[in-house]
Amino acid sequence: MKIAMVLCAVWGFFPALLQAQNTMNTELTASIVPIRAQSGVDIDLYKDNNGEADKLIASADTVANKEVVLLPGSDGYPVEVAFRQVGEKDLSHDVSFVDMPSILDKNYITNPLDNMEAFVGGFNGNLWGQTDYLTLIDGVPRDIGSVLPTEVAQVTFLKGVSAVALYGSMGARGVVLITTKRGKIHGQEITVRTNAGVHVPKAYPRYLGSAEYMDLFNEARVNDGLDELYSQEQIYYSAQGTDPYRYPDVDYYSTDYVQKAYSRYDATVEIEGGNEKTQYYTNMGFYRTGTPLNFGGATENHDKRFNIRGNVDMNIANWLTAKVDAAVVFYNGIGSNTDYWGAADTLTPNRYTPLVPIDRIEANDQASLDLVGASQNIINGQYLLGGTQLQQSTPIGAIYAGGTNNYNSRQFQFNAGANADLGAVVQGLSLSTTFGVDYNSTYNVAFNNEYAVYQPSWTSYAGDNRIASLTKYGNDASSGSQDITDSWYTQTLSFNAHLDYQRTFDNKHNFSGMLLAYGFQRSISALYHKPSNANLGLHLGYNFKHKYYVDFDGALVHSAKLPEDNRQSISPTATLGWCLSEEAFLKDVSFLSNLKLSVSGGILNTDLDIQNVNNEDDASDYYLYQQVYNQTDGAWVTWKDGFSNQSTDSRRGSNPNLDYPQRRELSLGLDFALFDNAIVFEGSFFASQTSGIAVQNNVLFPSYFVSNGYPSGSFVPYTNYNNDDRMGVDFNLRLNQNVGELALSLGVSGIYYTTEASQRAEMYEDAYQNRQGQPLDAIWGLENLGFFADATDIQNSPDQIALGEVQPGDLKYKDQNNDGIINAQDEVYLGRAGWSGAPLTMGFNLTANYKNFTFFALGTYRSGAYGMKNNNYFWVNGQDKYSEEVRGRWTEDTQNSATFPRLTTLNGANNFRNSDFWMYSTDRFDLSRVQISYDFPESLLGGPDSFIRELGIYVNGANLLTISPNREILEMNIGSAPQTRFYNLGLRAMF
């Protein structure tokens, strides 16, 4: 109801707005940044007594037909930063931004942050090596999935402490600001974009067929001293493949179940315009994506999304403006009541017959025929659903008869704000305030059907396999009712108000100031304590002729996670800048367009690193400063039969001095532009430490604080102890060159960073196991020495019994401490996992414009991180399905060429643990995007008065190529839907 009311209110604005377009004279104030006008539009420029641009008057006939664009002047493009705008030239080195419409013109994407590492230095999925950055959409914490690129005007990446200080505690790991589009002062424009494309799966896991699987499983049993399980007859006929019903050989990735491609299409309509009184913008979008599965009810599986976003900006008086924003997102995911991909990677190919052919039933087997007649699930009129007593639920049966599940997500976003010009009180003073409220609910609606499966008993007559009898398991039943499950709800409230001061004296002294109150809070289903952020902020800035810069940004933060006496703290930061190219000794250097040095530093107090590591519930992060006792029922049984006593156990001690962890940082920046911006470089060096991370560490306290016996307990409190260090460089280089009518632009961005656990409380017997001094994303494990060759080799090697019994063909490991025993004390540092992004990430983007054609290509490179082959595709033991990896298994005949340990049906604990044997490099280069666009010339569209003002078409491809020594591993998903290449045809038109 609330959504409907807001939509009606927004929709109700449009008749008045459309009528308002009849106003023929438009006055454009231009006090924010110096301007130059778009060619072809008649504009009169008025100046004040100081010679500064004051306002523009555009003639009526030009406004009616053309958009008046205020282009960058001496301050450059206006960029959204924390609660204000600054000119691009005045940006700090720890801020980067992208203009989304210009990206979409040459690179159509479906996620606002898709491949942003190719445009923004310092971003690799995280910011400057931090994790869990804060995402703000129009100033409110929101999910990135709630906005599409066509709705976005600008994305700003706030990386350093000075850039994020005003956002308080929750912004201390970096902030990504997404600013959506707004209406402009011009005649009404309608832009339509539509796309149609196909997803082509890159790769599927490769598993052995039934015959090879059974043969190797028998080998594994023999290795374990057990009898073979499968007969040679079963193996032979499975290999023949002449009767897949009696001798099943199920390939869940064959064309029987998955298709070679599936579709995606979308459409977007944007409507915008306005006059000096009111400007409006509306975006309506829809997309639908199919599924790789192509059988049963799965052919109808799909995801679809519909959104409406609208906003209105109103000039209520010459000193007062207001804005209202609203957006709704409806998302539905239609799927089957089964985890098909998870089952495909676990069910062995010979496990059961998915479909039982009815025509193979003996004609005189009336009992089986009666079962057929009673079945409610005859597949294609020919088959019953197959299964066994142990496999009564099957992924194929569930897709044919198990019902459907509809995942529903409903999001509503609302912003309202006002801006009052208080220049009548103090020149340059203004007051802004914004309130936001979001509602998000998700739930599943399912039709859960029961279905019977049938196990055939086979017989043979003269080589003809027939079904002698059927055994039925389960029943066909459909309640016809909907089951609603997994209902989840969040509400986000956000508010900010800031008093701003911005004024220039004598055309050279530029002052800015802000006094801020900011906060947000989320209510989440089943979560008692609401996650929140609250702080006061102060910004003070000065620059002299855009040459010398001094900025201070600070916040008074508050957190309920801390004791009452420690809940407030001050986070100060400062930035100094020097634009050397404005100095007299460089002013006349012809090839130097810009040269700027800057330095930032500060301390951010944050509660993000106050976490209960023993509980994933965010609410458990509160009150860690308090002592906690748990009551345990049934700790022991007393003499009184049938009753038990209760015990109270201590789980942690109190610490009334628990305080904020701090992000302490120093960063340096260098920006320069050469040869009239033919070469543009932006770079930063940063050194950051997160100190005083809250931990509950037994090593810091006497041993009697902890009971490891029965019952267990602890009096160890949480203390501020651990320190994490990060250091690195980021850069963004742009090269621009025109060759006749060919315009070329190459962008190269990147980040290289290191991390270190600089302080840890630990008590390892051997120093090489200390986590202190090692990367934060360190992989620890054993160092392998190959395979045991024989019993003598085992006897002459250190004892590995602590890891499990070993045989020839098992992995042997290095005894790091030479104690004659291989155990956890022999684990060493193996490499970096890249949990915060690869140590080195680089992105490349190339744009070539020739007349009306545009070619665009984008690639990314990642290096320095490692993965561990530790899923069931590689760690094959017990009853696991066998992948092609096991073909390289160790045997006596292959011991010199083996790439895999001996097979076993036991747990294989010795082999299947972290070691360098299973490590692989994740270094990769990805050709992520290629697009070719053509914009029809105005002459073909009928001239400036044509109904169609702009028209363009494009073709593009995504995720096209991966170059890596381990490409097959990197492109293969285990237990989930496959990665895909995407090929798309799009059209964009403006009316």
Foldseek 3Di string as FASTA:
>chain_A
DVQVVVVVVQVVCPVVFQVQLVDQKFKAFDPQADFDWDPPWDKDFDADPLRGTGIIITGRVRQAQDDIDTAHDPQDDWDDFPVDTGRPLLDDLQKDKDFLVVCCVFFNDWFQCVQCLQVDWQDFVFGQLFPDAFEAEQHFGDDSVQDTSVFFGMKMKRHDCQRQFQQAFRRHRTYIYTYGDWFDAGRKKKKKKKWKWKWFFDDAFFFDWDLVQLVQVQQQQVVVVHHRDDDPVLSVVSVVVPDCQVNNTDQCPDPVFFDRMWMKMKMKMWIWHGGNFKTKIKIWMKMKTAARTDDAQNRPWIKMKIKMKMKMWGDPDPFKIKMKIKMKMKIKTKFFPDLSQQQSQFDARRQKRQWAFPVQADPPAVVQVVVVVPFPQDDVVTTFGADDPVGFDDPSCRRNAFWMKMKIKMKMKIKMKMKGHPCVPPNQKIKIKMKMKMKMKIKMKIFGWKHKHKHFDWDDDPNRIGGHHIDIDTHTDTPPDIDIDDIKMKMKIWMKMKMKGWDDDSLFKTKIKIWMWIKMWMDIPPADDIDMWTKIKIKIWIGGNSFKIKIKIKIFTADQQAAPVAGTDMKIKMKIKGWVCPDPVNVPVQFWPTKMKMKMWIKGFHLPLQDDPVDPRRNVSHPLQAWDKDKDACLDDDPPPPGGDIDIATAEAHHNPAHTWMKTKMKMWIWTATRVNQKTKIKMKMKIKGFQRWDQDPLVDDPVQWDPDPPTHGHGGITGWWMKIKIKMKMKMKGWDDDPQKTKIKIKIKMAMFMFRQTDRDDQPDPQPDRGGPTPQWDKDFAWDAWQLAPVSQVPAQAECQQPDDGTQAIDTDPCVPPSYDDPSRIGTDFGAQPSHANMKMKMKMWMDHPQKIKIWIKMWGFGHKDFPQDCQQQPEASGGYGPLCVLGDDNVNRVPRLHGRYHNDNSRRHRDDYPSRMDTPTKMWRFKIKMKGKDDQVVQPHSPHPWNTKMKMKMKGRPDMDDPPVVVVQYDRSDRGRTIMIMIMMMIMD
